[in-house]
Amino acid sequence: MAETLRRYGDVCIICGRPGSTSADHVIPRSKGGAVYDLDNLGPAHERCNYARQDRELAPVGIPIESGMGFFT
C-alpha cells in the first residue's frame, strides 16, 4: 500500500478526492487482476474501496487541462 501511495499519490481512483489511505485493484482480483502488481493498484479511500467491491472502475471525472487557454 505504501508503495502505491508513493508512486501514484493520494488521489482516490474511485472518487477523485485526495486523502487515500489504501490501495485498490484496478482489475478486481475476482476478475483475474494481478494481486501484487503495482500497475494493477491505485490509491483509494478505504470506504470507497469497500463500497466498490468487484465492480468495474468508473471514470472519476478529474478535470484535465486542455491547454486551449494558451491561445486566448
Protein backbone atom coordinates (compact mmCIF):
# COMPACT_ATOMS: atom_id res chain seq x y z
CA MET A 1 0.00 0.00 0.00
CA ALA A 2 2.74 2.47 0.91
CA GLU A 3 4.46 1.88 -2.42
CA THR A 4 1.19 2.51 -4.28
CA LEU A 5 0.69 5.83 -2.47
CA ARG A 6 4.32 6.81 -3.08
CA ARG A 7 4.08 6.01 -6.78
CA TYR A 8 0.66 7.45 -7.56
CA GLY A 9 -0.03 10.00 -4.80
CA ASP A 10 -3.11 10.06 -2.60
CA VAL A 11 -5.90 11.00 -5.04
CA CYS A 12 -8.53 8.24 -4.89
CA ILE A 13 -9.01 6.41 -8.22
CA ILE A 14 -12.66 5.86 -7.31
CA CYS A 15 -13.95 9.27 -6.18
CA GLY A 16 -11.16 11.61 -7.33
CA ARG A 17 -10.57 13.23 -3.94
CA PRO A 18 -7.23 13.36 -2.08
CA GLY A 19 -6.53 11.58 1.20
CA SER A 20 -6.37 7.93 0.13
CA THR A 21 -5.10 5.52 2.76
CA SER A 22 -5.36 2.17 0.96
CA ALA A 23 -4.67 0.53 -2.38
CA ASP A 24 -7.43 -0.77 -4.66
CA HIS A 25 -7.13 -3.25 -7.51
CA VAL A 26 -7.96 -1.60 -10.85
CA ILE A 27 -8.96 -5.00 -12.23
CA PRO A 28 -10.51 -6.82 -9.26
CA ARG A 29 -8.79 -9.99 -8.08
CA SER A 30 -12.05 -11.89 -8.56
CA LYS A 31 -11.92 -10.99 -12.27
CA GLY A 32 -8.32 -12.05 -12.81
CA GLY A 33 -6.49 -8.89 -11.74
CA ALA A 34 -2.92 -9.24 -10.52
CA VAL A 35 -2.72 -9.20 -6.73
CA TYR A 36 0.67 -7.54 -6.13
CA ASP A 37 1.36 -5.80 -9.47
CA LEU A 38 1.70 -2.03 -8.95
CA ASP A 39 0.26 -1.49 -12.43
CA ASN A 40 -2.99 -3.02 -11.15
CA LEU A 41 -3.10 -0.99 -7.93
CA GLY A 42 -4.22 2.56 -7.33
CA PRO A 43 -4.77 4.76 -4.29
CA ALA A 44 -8.24 4.67 -2.73
CA HIS A 45 -10.05 5.66 0.42
CA GLU A 46 -10.87 2.59 2.49
CA ARG A 47 -14.57 3.49 2.34
CA CYS A 48 -14.51 3.87 -1.47
CA ASN A 49 -12.55 0.63 -1.84
CA TYR A 50 -15.04 -1.28 0.31
CA ALA A 51 -18.07 0.23 -1.46
CA ARG A 52 -16.75 -0.55 -4.96
CA GLN A 53 -16.26 -4.25 -4.17
CA ASP A 54 -15.57 -6.02 -7.51
CA ARG A 55 -17.42 -3.67 -9.86
CA GLU A 56 -15.77 -2.05 -12.88
CA LEU A 57 -13.78 1.10 -12.18
CA ALA A 58 -15.77 4.10 -13.43
CA PRO A 59 -14.01 7.27 -14.59
CA VAL A 60 -13.90 9.82 -11.76
CA GLY A 61 -14.07 12.89 -13.96
CA ILE A 62 -10.87 14.50 -12.75
CA PRO A 63 -10.55 17.65 -14.87
CA ILE A 64 -7.66 17.68 -17.30
CA GLU A 65 -6.29 20.98 -18.58
CA SER A 66 -6.72 21.09 -22.36
CA GLY A 67 -4.15 23.81 -22.92
CA MET A 68 -6.54 25.89 -25.05
CA GLY A 69 -6.28 28.76 -22.55
CA PHE A 70 -2.82 29.41 -24.01
CA PHE A 71 -4.42 30.69 -27.23
CA THR A 72 -6.77 33.23 -25.61
